[in-house]
């Protein structure tokens, strides 16, 4: 979830990423910080939710890890 107020300045690039992985954009930014992370599991699936700040602007990242997905 990305609040509209976050999509200003350089972060407007989030709207035009096409097939570029979101993680590549976020986690290579020197302007990224994490406020918190929650980890959970249900029915054999692992997930996590993080509130991030990109250039001080908030966004919520929710990830679900599928059993057949490769480990990074």
PDB file of N, CA and C in Angstrom:
ATOM      1  N   UNK A   1       0.841  -1.147   0.000  1.00  0.00           N
ATOM      2  CA  UNK A   1       0.000   0.000   0.000  1.00  0.00           C
ATOM      3  C   UNK A   1       0.900   1.228   0.000  1.00  0.00           C
ATOM      4  N   UNK A   2       0.635   2.108  -0.919  1.00  0.00           N
ATOM      5  CA  UNK A   2       1.428   3.329  -1.003  1.00  0.00           C
ATOM      6  C   UNK A   2       0.466   4.511  -0.951  1.00  0.00           C
ATOM      7  N   UNK A   3       0.512   5.304   0.115  1.00  0.00           N
ATOM      8  CA  UNK A   3      -0.343   6.485   0.168  1.00  0.00           C
ATOM      9  C   UNK A   3      -0.028   7.429  -0.992  1.00  0.00           C
ATOM     10  N   UNK A   4      -1.049   8.079  -1.492  1.00  0.00           N
ATOM     11  CA  UNK A   4      -0.862   9.021  -2.596  1.00  0.00           C
ATOM     12  C   UNK A   4       0.170  10.088  -2.245  1.00  0.00           C
ATOM     13  N   UNK A   5       0.214  10.486  -0.979  1.00  0.00           N
ATOM     14  CA  UNK A   5       1.166  11.521  -0.556  1.00  0.00           C
ATOM     15  C   UNK A   5       2.614  11.051  -0.659  1.00  0.00           C
ATOM     16  N   UNK A   6       2.838   9.737  -0.704  1.00  0.00           N
ATOM     17  CA  UNK A   6       4.194   9.198  -0.846  1.00  0.00           C
ATOM     18  C   UNK A   6       4.681   9.319  -2.288  1.00  0.00           C
ATOM     19  N   UNK A   7       3.747   9.363  -3.230  1.00  0.00           N
ATOM     20  CA  UNK A   7       4.100   9.366  -4.652  1.00  0.00           C
ATOM     21  C   UNK A   7       4.392  10.771  -5.166  1.00  0.00           C
ATOM     22  N   UNK A   8       5.349  11.416  -4.524  1.00  0.00           N
ATOM     23  CA  UNK A   8       5.786  12.742  -4.956  1.00  0.00           C
ATOM     24  C   UNK A   8       7.300  12.721  -5.100  1.00  0.00           C
ATOM     25  N   UNK A   9       7.830  13.638  -5.869  1.00  0.00           N
ATOM     26  CA  UNK A   9       9.281  13.702  -6.065  1.00  0.00           C
ATOM     27  C   UNK A   9       9.786  12.437  -6.734  1.00  0.00           C
ATOM     28  N   UNK A  10      10.974  11.971  -6.358  1.00  0.00           N
ATOM     29  CA  UNK A  10      11.556  10.781  -6.987  1.00  0.00           C
ATOM     30  C   UNK A  10      10.699   9.524  -6.824  1.00  0.00           C
ATOM     31  N   UNK A  11       9.867   9.481  -5.780  1.00  0.00           N
ATOM     32  CA  UNK A  11       9.047   8.298  -5.525  1.00  0.00           C
ATOM     33  C   UNK A  11       7.923   8.135  -6.545  1.00  0.00           C
ATOM     34  N   UNK A  12       7.705   9.129  -7.401  1.00  0.00           N
ATOM     35  CA  UNK A  12       6.721   8.985  -8.482  1.00  0.00           C
ATOM     36  C   UNK A  12       7.106   7.831  -9.403  1.00  0.00           C
ATOM     37  N   UNK A  13       8.389   7.457  -9.388  1.00  0.00           N
ATOM     38  CA  UNK A  13       8.861   6.336 -10.214  1.00  0.00           C
ATOM     39  C   UNK A  13       8.164   5.028  -9.841  1.00  0.00           C
ATOM     40  N   UNK A  14       7.624   4.927  -8.625  1.00  0.00           N
ATOM     41  CA  UNK A  14       6.911   3.717  -8.206  1.00  0.00           C
ATOM     42  C   UNK A  14       5.704   3.435  -9.105  1.00  0.00           C
ATOM     43  N   UNK A  15       5.148   4.465  -9.710  1.00  0.00           N
ATOM     44  CA  UNK A  15       3.972   4.297 -10.557  1.00  0.00           C
ATOM     45  C   UNK A  15       4.317   3.747 -11.936  1.00  0.00           C
ATOM     46  N   UNK A  16       5.583   3.776 -12.305  1.00  0.00           N
ATOM     47  CA  UNK A  16       5.963   3.401 -13.668  1.00  0.00           C
ATOM     48  C   UNK A  16       7.072   2.354 -13.675  1.00  0.00           C
ATOM     49  N   UNK A  17       6.971   1.391 -12.791  1.00  0.00           N
ATOM     50  CA  UNK A  17       8.026   0.390 -12.669  1.00  0.00           C
ATOM     51  C   UNK A  17       7.904  -0.735 -13.683  1.00  0.00           C
ATOM     52  N   UNK A  18       6.732  -0.917 -14.263  1.00  0.00           N
ATOM     53  CA  UNK A  18       6.558  -2.004 -15.225  1.00  0.00           C
ATOM     54  C   UNK A  18       6.846  -3.348 -14.587  1.00  0.00           C
ATOM     55  N   UNK A  19       7.784  -4.107 -15.162  1.00  0.00           N
ATOM     56  CA  UNK A  19       8.113  -5.444 -14.659  1.00  0.00           C
ATOM     57  C   UNK A  19       9.304  -5.447 -13.703  1.00  0.00           C
ATOM     58  N   UNK A  20       9.803  -4.278 -13.350  1.00  0.00           N
ATOM     59  CA  UNK A  20      10.912  -4.191 -12.400  1.00  0.00           C
ATOM     60  C   UNK A  20      10.429  -4.647 -11.026  1.00  0.00           C
ATOM     61  N   UNK A  21      11.117  -5.578 -10.383  1.00  0.00           N
ATOM     62  CA  UNK A  21      10.707  -6.021  -9.049  1.00  0.00           C
ATOM     63  C   UNK A  21      10.714  -4.860  -8.044  1.00  0.00           C
ATOM     64  N   UNK A  22       9.658  -4.778  -7.263  1.00  0.00           N
ATOM     65  CA  UNK A  22       9.542  -3.720  -6.264  1.00  0.00           C
ATOM     66  C   UNK A  22      10.706  -3.758  -5.287  1.00  0.00           C
ATOM     67  N   UNK A  23      11.098  -4.959  -4.862  1.00  0.00           N
ATOM     68  CA  UNK A  23      12.208  -5.091  -3.919  1.00  0.00           C
ATOM     69  C   UNK A  23      13.498  -4.502  -4.447  1.00  0.00           C
ATOM     70  N   UNK A  24      13.751  -4.671  -5.727  1.00  0.00           N
ATOM     71  CA  UNK A  24      14.972  -4.115  -6.322  1.00  0.00           C
ATOM     72  C   UNK A  24      14.984  -2.593  -6.183  1.00  0.00           C
ATOM     73  N   UNK A  25      13.828  -1.984  -6.414  1.00  0.00           N
ATOM     74  CA  UNK A  25      13.737  -0.528  -6.291  1.00  0.00           C
ATOM     75  C   UNK A  25      13.886  -0.099  -4.830  1.00  0.00           C
ATOM     76  N   UNK A  26      13.131  -0.744  -3.950  1.00  0.00           N
ATOM     77  CA  UNK A  26      13.117  -0.321  -2.550  1.00  0.00           C
ATOM     78  C   UNK A  26      14.436  -0.580  -1.837  1.00  0.00           C
ATOM     79  N   UNK A  27      14.934  -1.805  -1.937  1.00  0.00           N
ATOM     80  CA  UNK A  27      16.058  -2.202  -1.096  1.00  0.00           C
ATOM     81  C   UNK A  27      17.422  -1.789  -1.638  1.00  0.00           C
ATOM     82  N   UNK A  28      17.446  -1.118  -2.787  1.00  0.00           N
ATOM     83  CA  UNK A  28      18.699  -0.520  -3.257  1.00  0.00           C
ATOM     84  C   UNK A  28      18.717   0.976  -2.987  1.00  0.00           C
ATOM     85  N   UNK A  29      17.653   1.491  -2.395  1.00  0.00           N
ATOM     86  CA  UNK A  29      17.571   2.917  -2.087  1.00  0.00           C
ATOM     87  C   UNK A  29      18.257   3.223  -0.758  1.00  0.00           C
ATOM     88  N   UNK A  30      19.100   4.221  -0.764  1.00  0.00           N
ATOM     89  CA  UNK A  30      19.739   4.648   0.489  1.00  0.00           C
ATOM     90  C   UNK A  30      18.766   5.450   1.351  1.00  0.00           C
ATOM     91  N   UNK A  31      17.594   5.757   0.803  1.00  0.00           N
ATOM     92  CA  UNK A  31      16.589   6.556   1.513  1.00  0.00           C
ATOM     93  C   UNK A  31      15.524   5.693   2.186  1.00  0.00           C
ATOM     94  N   UNK A  32      15.730   4.372   2.249  1.00  0.00           N
ATOM     95  CA  UNK A  32      14.737   3.461   2.804  1.00  0.00           C
ATOM     96  C   UNK A  32      15.045   3.135   4.259  1.00  0.00           C
ATOM     97  N   UNK A  33      14.035   3.249   5.112  1.00  0.00           N
ATOM     98  CA  UNK A  33      14.136   2.799   6.504  1.00  0.00           C
ATOM     99  C   UNK A  33      12.902   1.953   6.815  1.00  0.00           C
ATOM    100  N   UNK A  34      13.017   1.090   7.812  1.00  0.00           N
ATOM    101  CA  UNK A  34      11.905   0.223   8.215  1.00  0.00           C
ATOM    102  C   UNK A  34      11.480   0.636   9.618  1.00  0.00           C
ATOM    103  N   UNK A  35      10.179   0.949   9.772  1.00  0.00           N
ATOM    104  CA  UNK A  35       9.636   1.296  11.089  1.00  0.00           C
ATOM    105  C   UNK A  35       9.373   0.045  11.915  1.00  0.00           C
ATOM    106  N   UNK A  36       8.775  -0.978  11.296  1.00  0.00           N
ATOM    107  CA  UNK A  36       8.522  -2.230  12.006  1.00  0.00           C
ATOM    108  C   UNK A  36       8.340  -3.356  11.005  1.00  0.00           C
ATOM    109  N   UNK A  37       8.445  -4.564  11.516  1.00  0.00           N
ATOM    110  CA  UNK A  37       8.202  -5.761  10.709  1.00  0.00           C
ATOM    111  C   UNK A  37       7.402  -6.747  11.550  1.00  0.00           C
ATOM    112  N   UNK A  38       6.391  -7.366  10.948  1.00  0.00           N
ATOM    113  CA  UNK A  38       5.609  -8.425  11.584  1.00  0.00           C
ATOM    114  C   UNK A  38       5.755  -9.673  10.726  1.00  0.00           C
ATOM    115  N   UNK A  39       5.929 -10.808  11.357  1.00  0.00           N
ATOM    116  CA  UNK A  39       6.076 -12.073  10.646  1.00  0.00           C
ATOM    117  C   UNK A  39       4.964 -13.001  11.110  1.00  0.00           C
ATOM    118  N   UNK A  40       4.383 -13.735  10.177  1.00  0.00           N
ATOM    119  CA  UNK A  40       3.321 -14.663  10.539  1.00  0.00           C
ATOM    120  C   UNK A  40       3.292 -15.853   9.602  1.00  0.00           C
ATOM    121  N   UNK A  41       2.543 -16.868  10.004  1.00  0.00           N
ATOM    122  CA  UNK A  41       2.373 -18.040   9.141  1.00  0.00           C
ATOM    123  C   UNK A  41       0.968 -18.583   9.326  1.00  0.00           C
ATOM    124  N   UNK A  42       0.455 -19.137   8.255  1.00  0.00           N
ATOM    125  CA  UNK A  42      -0.891 -19.699   8.246  1.00  0.00           C
ATOM    126  C   UNK A  42      -0.948 -20.752   7.150  1.00  0.00           C
ATOM    127  N   UNK A  43      -1.449 -21.902   7.477  1.00  0.00           N
ATOM    128  CA  UNK A  43      -1.641 -22.987   6.503  1.00  0.00           C
ATOM    129  C   UNK A  43      -0.371 -23.278   5.704  1.00  0.00           C
ATOM    130  N   UNK A  44       0.763 -23.275   6.369  1.00  0.00           N
ATOM    131  CA  UNK A  44       2.020 -23.604   5.708  1.00  0.00           C
ATOM    132  C   UNK A  44       2.648 -22.482   4.907  1.00  0.00           C
ATOM    133  N   UNK A  45       2.048 -21.308   4.925  1.00  0.00           N
ATOM    134  CA  UNK A  45       2.600 -20.162   4.205  1.00  0.00           C
ATOM    135  C   UNK A  45       3.226 -19.189   5.190  1.00  0.00           C
ATOM    136  N   UNK A  46       4.334 -18.610   4.800  1.00  0.00           N
ATOM    137  CA  UNK A  46       5.026 -17.620   5.617  1.00  0.00           C
ATOM    138  C   UNK A  46       4.807 -16.252   4.993  1.00  0.00           C
ATOM    139  N   UNK A  47       4.557 -15.265   5.828  1.00  0.00           N
ATOM    140  CA  UNK A  47       4.364 -13.904   5.335  1.00  0.00           C
ATOM    141  C   UNK A  47       5.009 -12.907   6.266  1.00  0.00           C
ATOM    142  N   UNK A  48       5.197 -11.709   5.752  1.00  0.00           N
ATOM    143  CA  UNK A  48       5.687 -10.626   6.605  1.00  0.00           C
ATOM    144  C   UNK A  48       5.119  -9.309   6.096  1.00  0.00           C
ATOM    145  N   UNK A  49       4.987  -8.386   7.022  1.00  0.00           N
ATOM    146  CA  UNK A  49       4.469  -7.058   6.712  1.00  0.00           C
ATOM    147  C   UNK A  49       5.406  -6.047   7.344  1.00  0.00           C
ATOM    148  N   UNK A  50       5.787  -5.061   6.562  1.00  0.00           N
ATOM    149  CA  UNK A  50       6.704  -4.028   7.040  1.00  0.00           C
ATOM    150  C   UNK A  50       6.129  -2.652   6.748  1.00  0.00           C
ATOM    151  N   UNK A  51       6.274  -1.750   7.704  1.00  0.00           N
ATOM    152  CA  UNK A  51       6.004  -0.348   7.398  1.00  0.00           C
ATOM    153  C   UNK A  51       7.350   0.277   7.106  1.00  0.00           C
ATOM    154  N   UNK A  52       7.484   0.766   5.894  1.00  0.00           N
ATOM    155  CA  UNK A  52       8.737   1.352   5.430  1.00  0.00           C
ATOM    156  C   UNK A  52       8.565   2.852   5.267  1.00  0.00           C
ATOM    157  N   UNK A  53       9.693   3.524   5.209  1.00  0.00           N
ATOM    158  CA  UNK A  53       9.705   4.947   4.862  1.00  0.00           C
ATOM    159  C   UNK A  53      10.726   5.132   3.760  1.00  0.00           C
ATOM    160  N   UNK A  54      10.275   5.738   2.689  1.00  0.00           N
ATOM    161  CA  UNK A  54      11.120   6.013   1.544  1.00  0.00           C
ATOM    162  C   UNK A  54      11.247   7.520   1.456  1.00  0.00           C
ATOM    163  N   UNK A  55      12.437   8.024   1.706  1.00  0.00           N
ATOM    164  CA  UNK A  55      12.666   9.473   1.812  1.00  0.00           C
ATOM    165  C   UNK A  55      11.752  10.077   2.874  1.00  0.00           C
ATOM    166  N   UNK A  56      11.519   9.313   3.951  1.00  0.00           N
ATOM    167  CA  UNK A  56      10.689   9.790   5.053  1.00  0.00           C
ATOM    168  C   UNK A  56       9.195   9.636   4.819  1.00  0.00           C
ATOM    169  N   UNK A  57       8.790   9.129   3.650  1.00  0.00           N
ATOM    170  CA  UNK A  57       7.372   8.986   3.305  1.00  0.00           C
ATOM    171  C   UNK A  57       6.955   7.525   3.488  1.00  0.00           C
ATOM    172  N   UNK A  58       5.771   7.281   4.101  1.00  0.00           N
ATOM    173  CA  UNK A  58       5.386   5.921   4.477  1.00  0.00           C
ATOM    174  C   UNK A  58       4.873   5.075   3.320  1.00  0.00           C
ATOM    175  N   UNK A  59       5.083   3.760   3.460  1.00  0.00           N
ATOM    176  CA  UNK A  59       4.420   2.775   2.611  1.00  0.00           C
ATOM    177  C   UNK A  59       4.391   1.456   3.362  1.00  0.00           C
ATOM    178  N   UNK A  60       3.407   0.620   3.052  1.00  0.00           N
ATOM    179  CA  UNK A  60       3.252  -0.680   3.698  1.00  0.00           C
ATOM    180  C   UNK A  60       3.586  -1.757   2.680  1.00  0.00           C
ATOM    181  N   UNK A  61       4.476  -2.651   3.047  1.00  0.00           N
ATOM    182  CA  UNK A  61       4.883  -3.747   2.171  1.00  0.00           C
ATOM    183  C   UNK A  61       4.439  -5.055   2.812  1.00  0.00           C
ATOM    184  N   UNK A  62       3.629  -5.834   2.099  1.00  0.00           N
ATOM    185  CA  UNK A  62       3.184  -7.143   2.562  1.00  0.00           C
ATOM    186  C   UNK A  62       3.706  -8.187   1.590  1.00  0.00           C
ATOM    187  N   UNK A  63       4.355  -9.211   2.124  1.00  0.00           N
ATOM    188  CA  UNK A  63       4.944 -10.258   1.292  1.00  0.00           C
ATOM    189  C   UNK A  63       4.410 -11.610   1.732  1.00  0.00           C
ATOM    190  N   UNK A  64       4.136 -12.469   0.770  1.00  0.00           N
ATOM    191  CA  UNK A  64       3.713 -13.838   1.021  1.00  0.00           C
ATOM    192  C   UNK A  64       4.692 -14.744   0.296  1.00  0.00           C
ATOM    193  N   UNK A  65       5.297 -15.663   1.018  1.00  0.00           N
ATOM    194  CA  UNK A  65       6.313 -16.547   0.456  1.00  0.00           C
ATOM    195  C   UNK A  65       5.675 -17.894   0.130  1.00  0.00           C
ATOM    196  N   UNK A  66       5.602 -18.204  -1.144  1.00  0.00           N
ATOM    197  CA  UNK A  66       4.990 -19.446  -1.606  1.00  0.00           C
ATOM    198  C   UNK A  66       5.963 -20.604  -1.446  1.00  0.00           C
ATOM    199  N   UNK A  67       5.466 -21.813  -1.174  1.00  0.00           N
ATOM    200  CA  UNK A  67       6.351 -22.958  -0.927  1.00  0.00           C
ATOM    201  C   UNK A  67       7.344 -23.227  -2.057  1.00  0.00           C
ATOM    202  N   UNK A  68       6.961 -23.026  -3.300  1.00  0.00           N
ATOM    203  CA  UNK A  68       7.849 -23.327  -4.427  1.00  0.00           C
ATOM    204  C   UNK A  68       8.784 -22.170  -4.781  1.00  0.00           C
ATOM    205  N   UNK A  69       8.711 -21.070  -4.042  1.00  0.00           N
ATOM    206  CA  UNK A  69       9.562 -19.915  -4.343  1.00  0.00           C
ATOM    207  C   UNK A  69      10.998 -20.180  -3.912  1.00  0.00           C
ATOM    208  N   UNK A  70      11.966 -19.711  -4.705  1.00  0.00           N
ATOM    209  CA  UNK A  70      13.370 -19.896  -4.308  1.00  0.00           C
ATOM    210  C   UNK A  70      13.722 -19.016  -3.112  1.00  0.00           C
ATOM    211  N   UNK A  71      14.673 -19.465  -2.330  1.00  0.00           N
ATOM    212  CA  UNK A  71      15.170 -18.666  -1.212  1.00  0.00           C
ATOM    213  C   UNK A  71      16.219 -17.697  -1.727  1.00  0.00           C
ATOM    214  N   UNK A  72      16.209 -16.505  -1.210  1.00  0.00           N
ATOM    215  CA  UNK A  72      17.194 -15.498  -1.627  1.00  0.00           C
ATOM    216  C   UNK A  72      18.189 -15.263  -0.523  1.00  0.00           C
TER     217      UNK A  72
END
